[in-house]
Structure formats: structure tokens, C-alpha cells
Amino acid sequence: MCSRTGAFDQLSIPGLTGEMVDTGDAPGLAQAVLRLLSDREQALRMGQAARQRVLDQFSCQEAEGIGRVYAQLFAKL
């Protein structure tokens, strides 16, 4: 999940590596979260694609830091 701000729109590929919503669009964010919560396989595919994109685009240190953030977020699901 990310909003269309800063570098997020360059990092995320909607439908492939995650979902993107407009900044301040709480209903849109809620819908995107519910879509992924209702389709665990899709969420896992997006997570794996996002991880690979980060590994391909960033240094190991940057990728590890981003990976830890996502791991913490997914652990809360």
C-alpha cells in the first residue's frame, strides 16, 4: 500500500507490486486493504514482486531496510 506522493509512485507498480491510492483517500485505502486481505495469494504475489523490485533497484542495505519494514507490517496482519 502506498499513496501517490514522493517517490512511492516510482517504486510501486499498481496491481503488480502493491496498491496505490490518492493521498487523503481514506475510502480508497480501505477498499485496497480489504481487497488484499480477502485475497492472500494476490497479497503474497505482490509482496514477492515488490521484494524483487527493491532488490533489483536498490543496494543491499537499502533493500534490507525496506524488507524489514514490510516484514514488520505483514507480521501484524
Protein backbone atom coordinates (compact mmCIF):
# COMPACT_ATOMS: atom_id res chain seq x y z
CA MET A 1 0.00 0.00 0.00
CA CYS A 2 1.22 3.43 -0.78
CA SER A 3 -0.09 6.82 -1.70
CA ARG A 4 0.74 8.82 -4.78
CA THR A 5 3.29 11.02 -3.05
CA GLY A 6 7.03 11.43 -3.22
CA ALA A 7 8.95 8.54 -4.67
CA PHE A 8 6.26 5.96 -3.92
CA ASP A 9 4.71 6.37 -7.35
CA GLN A 10 8.07 5.49 -8.88
CA LEU A 11 8.57 2.43 -6.67
CA SER A 12 5.19 0.80 -6.78
CA ILE A 13 3.57 -0.73 -9.82
CA PRO A 14 -0.17 -0.85 -9.11
CA GLY A 15 -1.56 -4.36 -9.38
CA LEU A 16 1.91 -5.92 -9.58
CA THR A 17 3.93 -4.78 -6.56
CA GLY A 18 1.14 -3.28 -4.50
CA GLU A 19 -1.83 -0.98 -4.44
CA MET A 20 -1.65 2.78 -4.82
CA VAL A 21 -4.24 5.26 -3.58
CA ASP A 22 -4.56 9.00 -3.78
CA THR A 23 -3.29 10.92 -0.77
CA GLY A 24 -6.13 11.53 1.66
CA ASP A 25 -8.42 8.94 0.04
CA ALA A 26 -9.38 7.00 3.16
CA PRO A 27 -12.22 5.07 1.44
CA GLY A 28 -9.88 4.12 -1.41
CA LEU A 29 -7.24 2.96 1.06
CA ALA A 30 -9.82 0.92 2.96
CA GLN A 31 -11.00 -0.73 -0.26
CA ALA A 32 -7.43 -1.55 -1.30
CA VAL A 33 -6.65 -3.05 2.11
CA LEU A 34 -9.83 -5.13 2.04
CA ARG A 35 -9.02 -6.40 -1.46
CA LEU A 36 -5.64 -7.67 -0.32
CA LEU A 37 -6.96 -9.07 2.95
CA SER A 38 -9.56 -11.03 1.02
CA ASP A 39 -7.00 -12.46 -1.44
CA ARG A 40 -3.97 -13.71 0.47
CA GLU A 41 -2.40 -15.29 -2.62
CA GLN A 42 -2.55 -11.98 -4.50
CA ALA A 43 -1.09 -10.18 -1.49
CA LEU A 44 1.76 -12.69 -1.33
CA ARG A 45 2.43 -12.39 -5.08
CA MET A 46 2.52 -8.60 -4.80
CA GLY A 47 4.82 -8.81 -1.79
CA GLN A 48 7.21 -11.12 -3.60
CA ALA A 49 7.18 -8.90 -6.71
CA ALA A 50 7.78 -5.81 -4.58
CA ARG A 51 10.68 -7.51 -2.81
CA GLN A 52 12.25 -8.48 -6.12
CA ARG A 53 11.79 -4.96 -7.49
CA VAL A 54 13.52 -3.50 -4.44
CA LEU A 55 16.38 -6.00 -4.74
CA ASP A 56 16.75 -5.15 -8.42
CA GLN A 57 16.56 -1.38 -7.95
CA PHE A 58 18.40 -0.69 -4.69
CA SER A 59 21.56 -1.58 -2.83
CA CYS A 60 21.53 -4.49 -0.39
CA GLN A 61 21.48 -2.19 2.63
CA GLU A 62 18.53 -0.22 1.27
CA ALA A 63 16.69 -3.42 0.32
CA GLU A 64 17.27 -5.00 3.73
CA GLY A 65 15.90 -1.92 5.48
CA ILE A 66 12.81 -1.82 3.29
CA GLY A 67 12.40 -5.59 3.69
CA ARG A 68 12.43 -5.26 7.48
CA VAL A 69 9.71 -2.61 7.31
CA TYR A 70 7.49 -4.83 5.18
CA ALA A 71 8.17 -7.87 7.38
CA GLN A 72 7.06 -5.90 10.43
CA LEU A 73 3.92 -4.74 8.63
CA PHE A 74 2.99 -8.23 7.40
CA ALA A 75 3.62 -9.70 10.85
CA LYS A 76 0.80 -7.51 12.14
CA LEU A 77 -1.73 -8.95 9.67
